[in-house]
């Protein structure tokens, strides 16, 4: 019976993250790209400038850069290391091409999400800001659609507590630590009613739960401050590693890029019968790209709504840079490293693929490369835990009509989930969380289609009123 239940959940998960959702999100990105006149290309330099230049007199709880880092803390995660590897292993090198295409369209989607989040947010007398898909659905589409807003918020709470923000990330951290420090599980302890675990798992879970608690108890401002420090640090370290690897194999880069492009359209002609059709490459690349940068899922605008800004368009541009950094830069570096070293052809899975690429491609001893990759995994997963707590707390605040007592109780439940995460081995937990994560996108994309005219008008009016603005 339990096996049948798991099979049903997997079938639902495959459907939710299947072609219909990908088409919905890609079509939304294409529509917004057209209505905004390739804004993600024309305004990218300005967006990158504003990314680090905060408004001095804006209203909100955290700086624009802090809001961006909070959003990036949830998107730059294990998906950038493991997700890219999985996509290329399943769909071939061409999957990276489609991942970048999805991110390009996703930049327009993320822009619209950030703009609408600020336009329709609610800021109280204490400067506490609350916004996101639930408010731009309710206030932008009208009160009759409040049920859709509630549905999105419910899915958001479930995603945070049930797995994407807790169990999966904690397992990623403890697995990385164990594989490096105690791969043979030589030092174990028997925990009554739970099982036998490596001491590294026990110690890592205690330290992680304590660190998460210290940050979360401080609220959104502390989450933003930690994110502002950790996110740029971890991203820069990982990007430097990837650039060094690419530079050390620079003569092979043109052939690798050619392989990625050719394999995107005709995998069998390039790689033989080992890899499936163009559809498989497209499906794996688009799905992993969406999952990595979360453009269209509706999570990032929750963080954008807290930004200290008066201009929705400005925050939309800053939000857009998140997808550019997450996928077009970080995921591309991972993907090119994997293709350059042939790591996807070694019969490995998940993080082992990326680990092989870095140990083979970097001019360091393998133990050094493995250690640096482990650190990146830990930081990536840790900040994802923080980011998803923020998202789910804001969703709960909306559901509870601003009752902060329920939010404080939820925060402690979240910390407890982080603590017990390493000992949760029920696959159904992750599958259910994955389903809720995908379901978040449906209400959000409906709103983006409905409000695309508002986004286009706000953008046109903003740049028309500020013709002196830098292009």
Foldseek 3Di string as FASTA:
>chain_A
DVVVVVVVLVVLLCVLLDDVLLCLLLVLLVVLCVLQVNCCPVCQVVLVVLLPPFDDQFFFAAALVLLLLLLLLQQQALLLQFLLLFLCLAANLLLLVLLVVLLSSLLSLLLLQLLLFQVQWDADPVSYIFGWLLRCQPVVVHVVRNVLSLLLLVLLLLLLQLPSLAQVLLQLLLVLQCCQPPVPLPAWDADPPQGIDRVSSQVSLVVLLVVLVVQPVVPSVSLSVVSSPLVVVLLVLLLVLLVQLCVLLVVCLVVLVVLNNVCCAAVCVRPNPPHDHNVSSNSSSSSSSCSNQVRLLTQSSRSSRRHRHDASSSSSSNSSVSSCSRRVRSSVSQSSLLSSQVLSVPPDHGNVSSLSSSCVRHPDHSSVSSVSVSVSNNSSSSSSSSSSLSRSLSSVCVVVVNPCVVSVVSSVSSSVSNSCSNSDDPVSSVSVSSSSSSVSSPSSSVSSVVCSVVVSVSVVVVCVVCVVDDD
